[in-house]
Amino acid sequence: MLRTPIGRLRTIGIVEGISYILLLFVAMPLRTFMDMPEAVSISGMAHGVLFLLYILAVGHVWIVHRWPLTRVIIAVLVSFIPFGNFVFDQSLKKEQHDNPTKAA
């Protein structure tokens, strides 16, 4: 799965999506209700690094697969929606299946 740009994007997207869910639904409540600000500090930093990797992966797929700008914008916007990456992954899975030889 990590051998193609779309495979890497899918993997990073899933991991980034999980980190976002953990940040929103675990770390934020821990900070608010249990007075544990370090939960947000740690998970927030991890999510930030994963988000940057996701943006780089989107850029790589944009170049290799010559995505239209609207597809790139959608790929970025879904990362701001909880569970958005998981929904977007379905279209990436189909695209990966349709273009299995585009590796870089």
PDB file of N, CA and C in Angstrom:
ATOM      1  N   MET A   1       0.826  -1.198   0.000  1.00  0.00           N
ATOM      2  CA  MET A   1       0.000   0.000   0.000  1.00  0.00           C
ATOM      3  C   MET A   1       0.864   1.254   0.000  1.00  0.00           C
ATOM      4  N   LEU A   2       2.056   1.183   0.546  1.00  0.00           N
ATOM      5  CA  LEU A   2       2.925   2.362   0.603  1.00  0.00           C
ATOM      6  C   LEU A   2       3.793   2.516  -0.636  1.00  0.00           C
ATOM      7  N   ARG A   3       3.608   1.674  -1.624  1.00  0.00           N
ATOM      8  CA  ARG A   3       4.454   1.721  -2.814  1.00  0.00           C
ATOM      9  C   ARG A   3       4.003   2.756  -3.840  1.00  0.00           C
ATOM     10  N   THR A   4       2.781   3.239  -3.720  1.00  0.00           N
ATOM     11  CA  THR A   4       2.273   4.217  -4.673  1.00  0.00           C
ATOM     12  C   THR A   4       1.924   5.511  -3.937  1.00  0.00           C
ATOM     13  N   PRO A   5       1.918   6.632  -4.653  1.00  0.00           N
ATOM     14  CA  PRO A   5       1.546   7.890  -4.001  1.00  0.00           C
ATOM     15  C   PRO A   5       0.135   7.842  -3.384  1.00  0.00           C
ATOM     16  N   ILE A   6      -0.809   7.222  -4.071  1.00  0.00           N
ATOM     17  CA  ILE A   6      -2.167   7.142  -3.518  1.00  0.00           C
ATOM     18  C   ILE A   6      -2.184   6.215  -2.316  1.00  0.00           C
ATOM     19  N   GLY A   7      -1.422   5.151  -2.355  1.00  0.00           N
ATOM     20  CA  GLY A   7      -1.338   4.259  -1.200  1.00  0.00           C
ATOM     21  C   GLY A   7      -0.780   4.970   0.016  1.00  0.00           C
ATOM     22  N   ARG A   8       0.252   5.781  -0.192  1.00  0.00           N
ATOM     23  CA  ARG A   8       0.809   6.555   0.925  1.00  0.00           C
ATOM     24  C   ARG A   8      -0.196   7.582   1.432  1.00  0.00           C
ATOM     25  N   LEU A   9      -0.897   8.235   0.491  1.00  0.00           N
ATOM     26  CA  LEU A   9      -1.919   9.210   0.899  1.00  0.00           C
ATOM     27  C   LEU A   9      -3.014   8.532   1.709  1.00  0.00           C
ATOM     28  N   ARG A  10      -3.444   7.369   1.272  1.00  0.00           N
ATOM     29  CA  ARG A  10      -4.497   6.642   2.004  1.00  0.00           C
ATOM     30  C   ARG A  10      -4.030   6.302   3.415  1.00  0.00           C
ATOM     31  N   THR A  11      -2.804   5.801   3.536  1.00  0.00           N
ATOM     32  CA  THR A  11      -2.281   5.415   4.849  1.00  0.00           C
ATOM     33  C   THR A  11      -2.162   6.625   5.769  1.00  0.00           C
ATOM     34  N   ILE A  12      -1.548   7.677   5.265  1.00  0.00           N
ATOM     35  CA  ILE A  12      -1.384   8.885   6.080  1.00  0.00           C
ATOM     36  C   ILE A  12      -2.742   9.492   6.406  1.00  0.00           C
ATOM     37  N   GLY A  13      -3.677   9.452   5.456  1.00  0.00           N
ATOM     38  CA  GLY A  13      -5.015   9.986   5.699  1.00  0.00           C
ATOM     39  C   GLY A  13      -5.744   9.257   6.816  1.00  0.00           C
ATOM     40  N   ILE A  14      -5.628   7.934   6.840  1.00  0.00           N
ATOM     41  CA  ILE A  14      -6.278   7.155   7.903  1.00  0.00           C
ATOM     42  C   ILE A  14      -5.644   7.466   9.262  1.00  0.00           C
ATOM     43  N   VAL A  15      -4.310   7.488   9.306  1.00  0.00           N
ATOM     44  CA  VAL A  15      -3.622   7.768  10.575  1.00  0.00           C
ATOM     45  C   VAL A  15      -3.924   9.195  11.034  1.00  0.00           C
ATOM     46  N   GLU A  16      -3.916  10.138  10.103  1.00  0.00           N
ATOM     47  CA  GLU A  16      -4.223  11.534  10.451  1.00  0.00           C
ATOM     48  C   GLU A  16      -5.673  11.662  10.925  1.00  0.00           C
ATOM     49  N   GLY A  17      -6.578  10.940  10.274  1.00  0.00           N
ATOM     50  CA  GLY A  17      -7.981  10.963  10.695  1.00  0.00           C
ATOM     51  C   GLY A  17      -8.168  10.415  12.096  1.00  0.00           C
ATOM     52  N   ILE A  18      -7.455   9.338  12.407  1.00  0.00           N
ATOM     53  CA  ILE A  18      -7.525   8.761  13.758  1.00  0.00           C
ATOM     54  C   ILE A  18      -6.979   9.752  14.779  1.00  0.00           C
ATOM     55  N   SER A  19      -5.865  10.413  14.436  1.00  0.00           N
ATOM     56  CA  SER A  19      -5.293  11.384  15.391  1.00  0.00           C
ATOM     57  C   SER A  19      -6.244  12.555  15.622  1.00  0.00           C
ATOM     58  N   TYR A  20      -6.978  12.952  14.583  1.00  0.00           N
ATOM     59  CA  TYR A  20      -7.939  14.054  14.719  1.00  0.00           C
ATOM     60  C   TYR A  20      -9.104  13.644  15.617  1.00  0.00           C
ATOM     61  N   ILE A  21      -9.594  12.422  15.425  1.00  0.00           N
ATOM     62  CA  ILE A  21     -10.682  11.912  16.264  1.00  0.00           C
ATOM     63  C   ILE A  21     -10.226  11.831  17.723  1.00  0.00           C
ATOM     64  N   LEU A  22      -9.017  11.334  17.947  1.00  0.00           N
ATOM     65  CA  LEU A  22      -8.491  11.255  19.320  1.00  0.00           C
ATOM     66  C   LEU A  22      -8.337  12.641  19.937  1.00  0.00           C
ATOM     67  N   LEU A  23      -7.866  13.585  19.141  1.00  0.00           N
ATOM     68  CA  LEU A  23      -7.710  14.952  19.642  1.00  0.00           C
ATOM     69  C   LEU A  23      -9.057  15.553  20.036  1.00  0.00           C
ATOM     70  N   LEU A  24     -10.053  15.401  19.158  1.00  0.00           N
ATOM     71  CA  LEU A  24     -11.358  16.012  19.415  1.00  0.00           C
ATOM     72  C   LEU A  24     -12.163  15.313  20.504  1.00  0.00           C
ATOM     73  N   PHE A  25     -12.151  13.981  20.475  1.00  0.00           N
ATOM     74  CA  PHE A  25     -13.078  13.247  21.337  1.00  0.00           C
ATOM     75  C   PHE A  25     -12.441  12.595  22.551  1.00  0.00           C
ATOM     76  N   VAL A  26     -11.124  12.655  22.667  1.00  0.00           N
ATOM     77  CA  VAL A  26     -10.460  12.121  23.861  1.00  0.00           C
ATOM     78  C   VAL A  26      -9.677  13.228  24.563  1.00  0.00           C
ATOM     79  N   ALA A  27      -8.728  13.844  23.833  1.00  0.00           N
ATOM     80  CA  ALA A  27      -7.848  14.828  24.459  1.00  0.00           C
ATOM     81  C   ALA A  27      -8.587  16.096  24.893  1.00  0.00           C
ATOM     82  N   MET A  28      -9.462  16.607  24.041  1.00  0.00           N
ATOM     83  CA  MET A  28     -10.186  17.828  24.407  1.00  0.00           C
ATOM     84  C   MET A  28     -11.080  17.623  25.637  1.00  0.00           C
ATOM     85  N   PRO A  29     -11.863  16.537  25.709  1.00  0.00           N
ATOM     86  CA  PRO A  29     -12.633  16.310  26.931  1.00  0.00           C
ATOM     87  C   PRO A  29     -11.749  16.102  28.166  1.00  0.00           C
ATOM     88  N   LEU A  30     -10.597  15.443  27.986  1.00  0.00           N
ATOM     89  CA  LEU A  30      -9.689  15.285  29.128  1.00  0.00           C
ATOM     90  C   LEU A  30      -9.199  16.638  29.629  1.00  0.00           C
ATOM     91  N   ARG A  31      -8.887  17.529  28.699  1.00  0.00           N
ATOM     92  CA  ARG A  31      -8.453  18.863  29.098  1.00  0.00           C
ATOM     93  C   ARG A  31      -9.576  19.625  29.788  1.00  0.00           C
ATOM     94  N   THR A  32     -10.771  19.532  29.237  1.00  0.00           N
ATOM     95  CA  THR A  32     -11.889  20.322  29.746  1.00  0.00           C
ATOM     96  C   THR A  32     -12.436  19.781  31.068  1.00  0.00           C
ATOM     97  N   PHE A  33     -12.657  18.481  31.132  1.00  0.00           N
ATOM     98  CA  PHE A  33     -13.353  17.915  32.285  1.00  0.00           C
ATOM     99  C   PHE A  33     -12.440  17.320  33.342  1.00  0.00           C
ATOM    100  N   MET A  34     -11.223  16.944  32.970  1.00  0.00           N
ATOM    101  CA  MET A  34     -10.313  16.307  33.919  1.00  0.00           C
ATOM    102  C   MET A  34      -9.094  17.172  34.224  1.00  0.00           C
ATOM    103  N   ASP A  35      -9.088  18.396  33.693  1.00  0.00           N
ATOM    104  CA  ASP A  35      -7.992  19.336  33.899  1.00  0.00           C
ATOM    105  C   ASP A  35      -6.633  18.702  33.554  1.00  0.00           C
ATOM    106  N   MET A  36      -6.568  18.145  32.327  1.00  0.00           N
ATOM    107  CA  MET A  36      -5.333  17.518  31.844  1.00  0.00           C
ATOM    108  C   MET A  36      -4.905  18.183  30.535  1.00  0.00           C
ATOM    109  N   PRO A  37      -4.329  19.387  30.597  1.00  0.00           N
ATOM    110  CA  PRO A  37      -3.958  20.086  29.363  1.00  0.00           C
ATOM    111  C   PRO A  37      -2.865  19.384  28.570  1.00  0.00           C
ATOM    112  N   GLU A  38      -2.071  18.545  29.232  1.00  0.00           N
ATOM    113  CA  GLU A  38      -1.007  17.846  28.515  1.00  0.00           C
ATOM    114  C   GLU A  38      -1.554  16.853  27.484  1.00  0.00           C
ATOM    115  N   ALA A  39      -2.795  16.403  27.650  1.00  0.00           N
ATOM    116  CA  ALA A  39      -3.406  15.496  26.672  1.00  0.00           C
ATOM    117  C   ALA A  39      -3.530  16.188  25.315  1.00  0.00           C
ATOM    118  N   VAL A  40      -3.926  17.447  25.342  1.00  0.00           N
ATOM    119  CA  VAL A  40      -4.052  18.205  24.089  1.00  0.00           C
ATOM    120  C   VAL A  40      -2.670  18.571  23.556  1.00  0.00           C
ATOM    121  N   SER A  41      -1.748  18.877  24.431  1.00  0.00           N
ATOM    122  CA  SER A  41      -0.399  19.232  23.980  1.00  0.00           C
ATOM    123  C   SER A  41       0.245  18.083  23.212  1.00  0.00           C
ATOM    124  N   ILE A  42       0.147  16.899  23.760  1.00  0.00           N
ATOM    125  CA  ILE A  42       0.792  15.738  23.135  1.00  0.00           C
ATOM    126  C   ILE A  42       0.058  15.320  21.868  1.00  0.00           C
ATOM    127  N   SER A  43      -1.233  15.116  21.968  1.00  0.00           N
ATOM    128  CA  SER A  43      -1.979  14.652  20.798  1.00  0.00           C
ATOM    129  C   SER A  43      -2.077  15.744  19.736  1.00  0.00           C
ATOM    130  N   GLY A  44      -2.103  16.992  20.168  1.00  0.00           N
ATOM    131  CA  GLY A  44      -2.147  18.109  19.222  1.00  0.00           C
ATOM    132  C   GLY A  44      -0.885  18.198  18.385  1.00  0.00           C
ATOM    133  N   MET A  45       0.258  17.996  19.020  1.00  0.00           N
ATOM    134  CA  MET A  45       1.519  18.026  18.282  1.00  0.00           C
ATOM    135  C   MET A  45       1.595  16.848  17.304  1.00  0.00           C
ATOM    136  N   ALA A  46       1.205  15.674  17.761  1.00  0.00           N
ATOM    137  CA  ALA A  46       1.213  14.497  16.880  1.00  0.00           C
ATOM    138  C   ALA A  46       0.285  14.712  15.689  1.00  0.00           C
ATOM    139  N   HIS A  47      -0.889  15.237  15.962  1.00  0.00           N
ATOM    140  CA  HIS A  47      -1.839  15.502  14.880  1.00  0.00           C
ATOM    141  C   HIS A  47      -1.290  16.549  13.916  1.00  0.00           C
ATOM    142  N   GLY A  48      -0.638  17.565  14.421  1.00  0.00           N
ATOM    143  CA  GLY A  48      -0.064  18.602  13.563  1.00  0.00           C
ATOM    144  C   GLY A  48       0.985  18.045  12.613  1.00  0.00           C
ATOM    145  N   VAL A  49       1.847  17.188  13.111  1.00  0.00           N
ATOM    146  CA  VAL A  49       2.867  16.564  12.264  1.00  0.00           C
ATOM    147  C   VAL A  49       2.200  15.685  11.210  1.00  0.00           C
ATOM    148  N   LEU A  50       1.215  14.897  11.631  1.00  0.00           N
ATOM    149  CA  LEU A  50       0.510  14.033  10.682  1.00  0.00           C
ATOM    150  C   LEU A  50      -0.260  14.848   9.644  1.00  0.00           C
ATOM    151  N   PHE A  51      -0.819  15.979  10.043  1.00  0.00           N
ATOM    152  CA  PHE A  51      -1.521  16.842   9.091  1.00  0.00           C
ATOM    153  C   PHE A  51      -0.561  17.377   8.030  1.00  0.00           C
ATOM    154  N   LEU A  52       0.631  17.788   8.457  1.00  0.00           N
ATOM    155  CA  LEU A  52       1.625  18.269   7.490  1.00  0.00           C
ATOM    156  C   LEU A  52       2.032  17.154   6.524  1.00  0.00           C
ATOM    157  N   LEU A  53       2.213  15.949   7.037  1.00  0.00           N
ATOM    158  CA  LEU A  53       2.523  14.808   6.167  1.00  0.00           C
ATOM    159  C   LEU A  53       1.384  14.545   5.186  1.00  0.00           C
ATOM    160  N   TYR A  54       0.151  14.697   5.653  1.00  0.00           N
ATOM    161  CA  TYR A  54      -1.012  14.506   4.790  1.00  0.00           C
ATOM    162  C   TYR A  54      -1.013  15.538   3.657  1.00  0.00           C
ATOM    163  N   ILE A  55      -0.746  16.783   3.979  1.00  0.00           N
ATOM    164  CA  ILE A  55      -0.714  17.838   2.960  1.00  0.00           C
ATOM    165  C   ILE A  55       0.394  17.556   1.943  1.00  0.00           C
ATOM    166  N   LEU A  56       1.549  17.116   2.411  1.00  0.00           N
ATOM    167  CA  LEU A  56       2.631  16.766   1.491  1.00  0.00           C
ATOM    168  C   LEU A  56       2.232  15.588   0.602  1.00  0.00           C
ATOM    169  N   ALA A  57       1.544  14.607   1.172  1.00  0.00           N
ATOM    170  CA  ALA A  57       1.093  13.452   0.388  1.00  0.00           C
ATOM    171  C   ALA A  57       0.062  13.870  -0.659  1.00  0.00           C
ATOM    172  N   VAL A  58      -0.827  14.786  -0.301  1.00  0.00           N
ATOM    173  CA  VAL A  58      -1.804  15.301  -1.270  1.00  0.00           C
ATOM    174  C   VAL A  58      -1.057  16.006  -2.412  1.00  0.00           C
ATOM    175  N   GLY A  59      -0.073  16.803  -2.071  1.00  0.00           N
ATOM    176  CA  GLY A  59       0.712  17.488  -3.097  1.00  0.00           C
ATOM    177  C   GLY A  59       1.428  16.507  -4.016  1.00  0.00           C
ATOM    178  N   HIS A  60       1.956  15.449  -3.455  1.00  0.00           N
ATOM    179  CA  HIS A  60       2.647  14.446  -4.265  1.00  0.00           C
ATOM    180  C   HIS A  60       1.678  13.759  -5.230  1.00  0.00           C
ATOM    181  N   VAL A  61       0.500  13.394  -4.747  1.00  0.00           N
ATOM    182  CA  VAL A  61      -0.503  12.771  -5.611  1.00  0.00           C
ATOM    183  C   VAL A  61      -0.967  13.761  -6.675  1.00  0.00           C
ATOM    184  N   TRP A  62      -1.108  15.017  -6.302  1.00  0.00           N
ATOM    185  CA  TRP A  62      -1.511  16.061  -7.244  1.00  0.00           C
ATOM    186  C   TRP A  62      -0.538  16.117  -8.425  1.00  0.00           C
ATOM    187  N   ILE A  63       0.737  16.060  -8.144  1.00  0.00           N
ATOM    188  CA  ILE A  63       1.753  16.139  -9.192  1.00  0.00           C
ATOM    189  C   ILE A  63       1.793  14.854 -10.020  1.00  0.00           C
ATOM    190  N   VAL A  64       1.855  13.709  -9.350  1.00  0.00           N
ATOM    191  CA  VAL A  64       2.026  12.432 -10.059  1.00  0.00           C
ATOM    192  C   VAL A  64       0.787  12.064 -10.870  1.00  0.00           C
ATOM    193  N   HIS A  65      -0.390  12.241 -10.278  1.00  0.00           N
ATOM    194  CA  HIS A  65      -1.628  11.825 -10.939  1.00  0.00           C
ATOM    195  C   HIS A  65      -2.324  12.972 -11.672  1.00  0.00           C
ATOM    196  N   ARG A  66      -1.735  14.144 -11.598  1.00  0.00           N
ATOM    197  CA  ARG A  66      -2.289  15.329 -12.275  1.00  0.00           C
ATOM    198  C   ARG A  66      -3.756  15.559 -11.906  1.00  0.00           C
ATOM    199  N   TRP A  67      -3.986  15.563 -10.600  1.00  0.00           N
ATOM    200  CA  TRP A  67      -5.335  15.842 -10.114  1.00  0.00           C
ATOM    201  C   TRP A  67      -5.745  17.260 -10.488  1.00  0.00           C
ATOM    202  N   PRO A  68      -7.039  17.465 -10.744  1.00  0.00           N
ATOM    203  CA  PRO A  68      -7.515  18.847 -10.913  1.00  0.00           C
ATOM    204  C   PRO A  68      -7.485  19.572  -9.558  1.00  0.00           C
ATOM    205  N   LEU A  69      -7.392  20.878  -9.609  1.00  0.00           N
ATOM    206  CA  LEU A  69      -7.297  21.672  -8.385  1.00  0.00           C
ATOM    207  C   LEU A  69      -8.496  21.440  -7.468  1.00  0.00           C
ATOM    208  N   THR A  70      -9.665  21.228  -8.024  1.00  0.00           N
ATOM    209  CA  THR A  70     -10.850  21.002  -7.181  1.00  0.00           C
ATOM    210  C   THR A  70     -10.694  19.734  -6.339  1.00  0.00           C
ATOM    211  N   ARG A  71     -10.088  18.688  -6.906  1.00  0.00           N
ATOM    212  CA  ARG A  71      -9.877  17.440  -6.153  1.00  0.00           C
ATOM    213  C   ARG A  71      -8.882  17.663  -5.013  1.00  0.00           C
ATOM    214  N   VAL A  72      -7.860  18.462  -5.271  1.00  0.00           N
ATOM    215  CA  VAL A  72      -6.877  18.783  -4.234  1.00  0.00           C
ATOM    216  C   VAL A  72      -7.550  19.560  -3.102  1.00  0.00           C
ATOM    217  N   ILE A  73      -8.367  20.523  -3.458  1.00  0.00           N
ATOM    218  CA  ILE A  73      -9.072  21.320  -2.441  1.00  0.00           C
ATOM    219  C   ILE A  73      -9.999  20.434  -1.624  1.00  0.00           C
ATOM    220  N   ILE A  74     -10.690  19.525  -2.266  1.00  0.00           N
ATOM    221  CA  ILE A  74     -11.566  18.593  -1.540  1.00  0.00           C
ATOM    222  C   ILE A  74     -10.744  17.725  -0.594  1.00  0.00           C
ATOM    223  N   ALA A  75      -9.590  17.226  -1.075  1.00  0.00           N
ATOM    224  CA  ALA A  75      -8.733  16.391  -0.235  1.00  0.00           C
ATOM    225  C   ALA A  75      -8.276  17.134   1.009  1.00  0.00           C
ATOM    226  N   VAL A  76      -7.999  18.417   0.871  1.00  0.00           N
ATOM    227  CA  VAL A  76      -7.578  19.212   2.029  1.00  0.00           C
ATOM    228  C   VAL A  76      -8.774  19.506   2.943  1.00  0.00           C
ATOM    229  N   LEU A  77      -9.898  19.880   2.361  1.00  0.00           N
ATOM    230  CA  LEU A  77     -11.065  20.245   3.172  1.00  0.00           C
ATOM    231  C   LEU A  77     -11.602  19.072   3.994  1.00  0.00           C
ATOM    232  N   VAL A  78     -11.564  17.859   3.438  1.00  0.00           N
ATOM    233  CA  VAL A  78     -12.105  16.721   4.194  1.00  0.00           C
ATOM    234  C   VAL A  78     -11.290  16.446   5.445  1.00  0.00           C
ATOM    235  N   SER A  79     -10.043  16.882   5.468  1.00  0.00           N
ATOM    236  CA  SER A  79      -9.221  16.639   6.655  1.00  0.00           C
ATOM    237  C   SER A  79      -9.648  17.510   7.841  1.00  0.00           C
ATOM    238  N   PHE A  80     -10.472  18.523   7.587  1.00  0.00           N
ATOM    239  CA  PHE A  80     -10.966  19.375   8.667  1.00  0.00           C
ATOM    240  C   PHE A  80     -12.292  18.874   9.235  1.00  0.00           C
ATOM    241  N   ILE A  81     -12.871  17.872   8.602  1.00  0.00           N
ATOM    242  CA  ILE A  81     -14.157  17.325   9.033  1.00  0.00           C
ATOM    243  C   ILE A  81     -13.902  16.016   9.766  1.00  0.00           C
ATOM    244  N   PRO A  82     -14.405  15.868  10.988  1.00  0.00           N
ATOM    245  CA  PRO A  82     -14.232  14.581  11.664  1.00  0.00           C
ATOM    246  C   PRO A  82     -14.795  13.442  10.802  1.00  0.00           C
ATOM    247  N   PHE A  83     -14.029  12.392  10.659  1.00  0.00           N
ATOM    248  CA  PHE A  83     -14.358  11.216   9.847  1.00  0.00           C
ATOM    249  C   PHE A  83     -14.313  11.514   8.345  1.00  0.00           C
ATOM    250  N   GLY A  84     -13.940  12.724   7.941  1.00  0.00           N
ATOM    251  CA  GLY A  84     -13.889  13.083   6.533  1.00  0.00           C
ATOM    252  C   GLY A  84     -12.861  12.277   5.751  1.00  0.00           C
ATOM    253  N   ASN A  85     -11.700  12.045   6.356  1.00  0.00           N
ATOM    254  CA  ASN A  85     -10.669  11.264   5.672  1.00  0.00           C
ATOM    255  C   ASN A  85     -11.128   9.844   5.381  1.00  0.00           C
ATOM    256  N   PHE A  86     -11.936   9.283   6.268  1.00  0.00           N
ATOM    257  CA  PHE A  86     -12.399   7.910   6.085  1.00  0.00           C
ATOM    258  C   PHE A  86     -13.383   7.820   4.915  1.00  0.00           C
ATOM    259  N   VAL A  87     -14.199   8.838   4.748  1.00  0.00           N
ATOM    260  CA  VAL A  87     -15.133   8.878   3.620  1.00  0.00           C
ATOM    261  C   VAL A  87     -14.359   9.100   2.319  1.00  0.00           C
ATOM    262  N   PHE A  88     -13.411  10.033   2.343  1.00  0.00           N
ATOM    263  CA  PHE A  88     -12.606  10.328   1.155  1.00  0.00           C
ATOM    264  C   PHE A  88     -11.759   9.124   0.743  1.00  0.00           C
ATOM    265  N   ASP A  89     -11.372   8.312   1.708  1.00  0.00           N
ATOM    266  CA  ASP A  89     -10.559   7.130   1.419  1.00  0.00           C
ATOM    267  C   ASP A  89     -11.258   6.173   0.465  1.00  0.00           C
ATOM    268  N   GLN A  90     -12.573   6.153   0.483  1.00  0.00           N
ATOM    269  CA  GLN A  90     -13.300   5.259  -0.428  1.00  0.00           C
ATOM    270  C   GLN A  90     -13.045   5.638  -1.887  1.00  0.00           C
ATOM    271  N   SER A  91     -13.022   6.930  -2.192  1.00  0.00           N
ATOM    272  CA  SER A  91     -12.741   7.334  -3.575  1.00  0.00           C
ATOM    273  C   SER A  91     -11.269   7.108  -3.914  1.00  0.00           C
ATOM    274  N   LEU A  92     -10.393   7.264  -2.927  1.00  0.00           N
ATOM    275  CA  LEU A  92      -8.974   6.989  -3.172  1.00  0.00           C
ATOM    276  C   LEU A  92      -8.745   5.504  -3.425  1.00  0.00           C
ATOM    277  N   LYS A  93      -9.474   4.665  -2.700  1.00  0.00           N
ATOM    278  CA  LYS A  93      -9.360   3.223  -2.886  1.00  0.00           C
ATOM    279  C   LYS A  93      -9.765   2.838  -4.307  1.00  0.00           C
ATOM    280  N   LYS A  94     -10.845   3.428  -4.796  1.00  0.00           N
ATOM    281  CA  LYS A  94     -11.299   3.159  -6.158  1.00  0.00           C
ATOM    282  C   LYS A  94     -10.274   3.656  -7.172  1.00  0.00           C
ATOM    283  N   GLU A  95      -9.740   4.842  -6.948  1.00  0.00           N
ATOM    284  CA  GLU A  95      -8.742   5.397  -7.860  1.00  0.00           C
ATOM    285  C   GLU A  95      -7.469   4.544  -7.856  1.00  0.00           C
ATOM    286  N   GLN A  96      -7.079   4.063  -6.691  1.00  0.00           N
ATOM    287  CA  GLN A  96      -5.900   3.207  -6.597  1.00  0.00           C
ATOM    288  C   GLN A  96      -6.132   1.887  -7.340  1.00  0.00           C
ATOM    289  N   HIS A  97      -7.323   1.374  -7.241  1.00  0.00           N
ATOM    290  CA  HIS A  97      -7.655   0.126  -7.935  1.00  0.00           C
ATOM    291  C   HIS A  97      -7.672   0.343  -9.458  1.00  0.00           C
ATOM    292  N   ASP A  98      -8.144   1.508  -9.890  1.00  0.00           N
ATOM    293  CA  ASP A  98      -8.226   1.808 -11.327  1.00  0.00           C
ATOM    294  C   ASP A  98      -6.861   2.119 -11.945  1.00  0.00           C
ATOM    295  N   ASN A  99      -5.907   2.637 -11.148  1.00  0.00           N
ATOM    296  CA  ASN A  99      -4.574   3.012 -11.630  1.00  0.00           C
ATOM    297  C   ASN A  99      -3.484   2.328 -10.814  1.00  0.00           C
ATOM    298  N   PRO A 100      -3.369   1.019 -10.860  1.00  0.00           N
ATOM    299  CA  PRO A 100      -2.412   0.339  -9.984  1.00  0.00           C
ATOM    300  C   PRO A 100      -0.949   0.514 -10.394  1.00  0.00           C
ATOM    301  N   THR A 101      -0.679   0.952 -11.600  1.00  0.00           N
ATOM    302  CA  THR A 101       0.711   1.012 -12.083  1.00  0.00           C
ATOM    303  C   THR A 101       1.380   2.357 -11.878  1.00  0.00           C
ATOM    304  N   LYS A 102       0.667   3.359 -11.469  1.00  0.00           N
ATOM    305  CA  LYS A 102       1.279   4.679 -11.275  1.00  0.00           C
ATOM    306  C   LYS A 102       2.014   4.716  -9.954  1.00  0.00           C
ATOM    307  N   ALA A 103       3.266   4.400  -9.974  1.00  0.00           N
ATOM    308  CA  ALA A 103       4.097   4.431  -8.771  1.00  0.00           C
ATOM    309  C   ALA A 103       5.218   5.436  -8.972  1.00  0.00           C
ATOM    310  N   ALA A 104       5.605   6.078  -7.881  1.00  0.00           N
ATOM    311  CA  ALA A 104       6.721   7.017  -7.960  1.00  0.00           C
ATOM    312  C   ALA A 104       7.479   7.006  -6.668  1.00  0.00           C
TER     313      ALA A 104
END
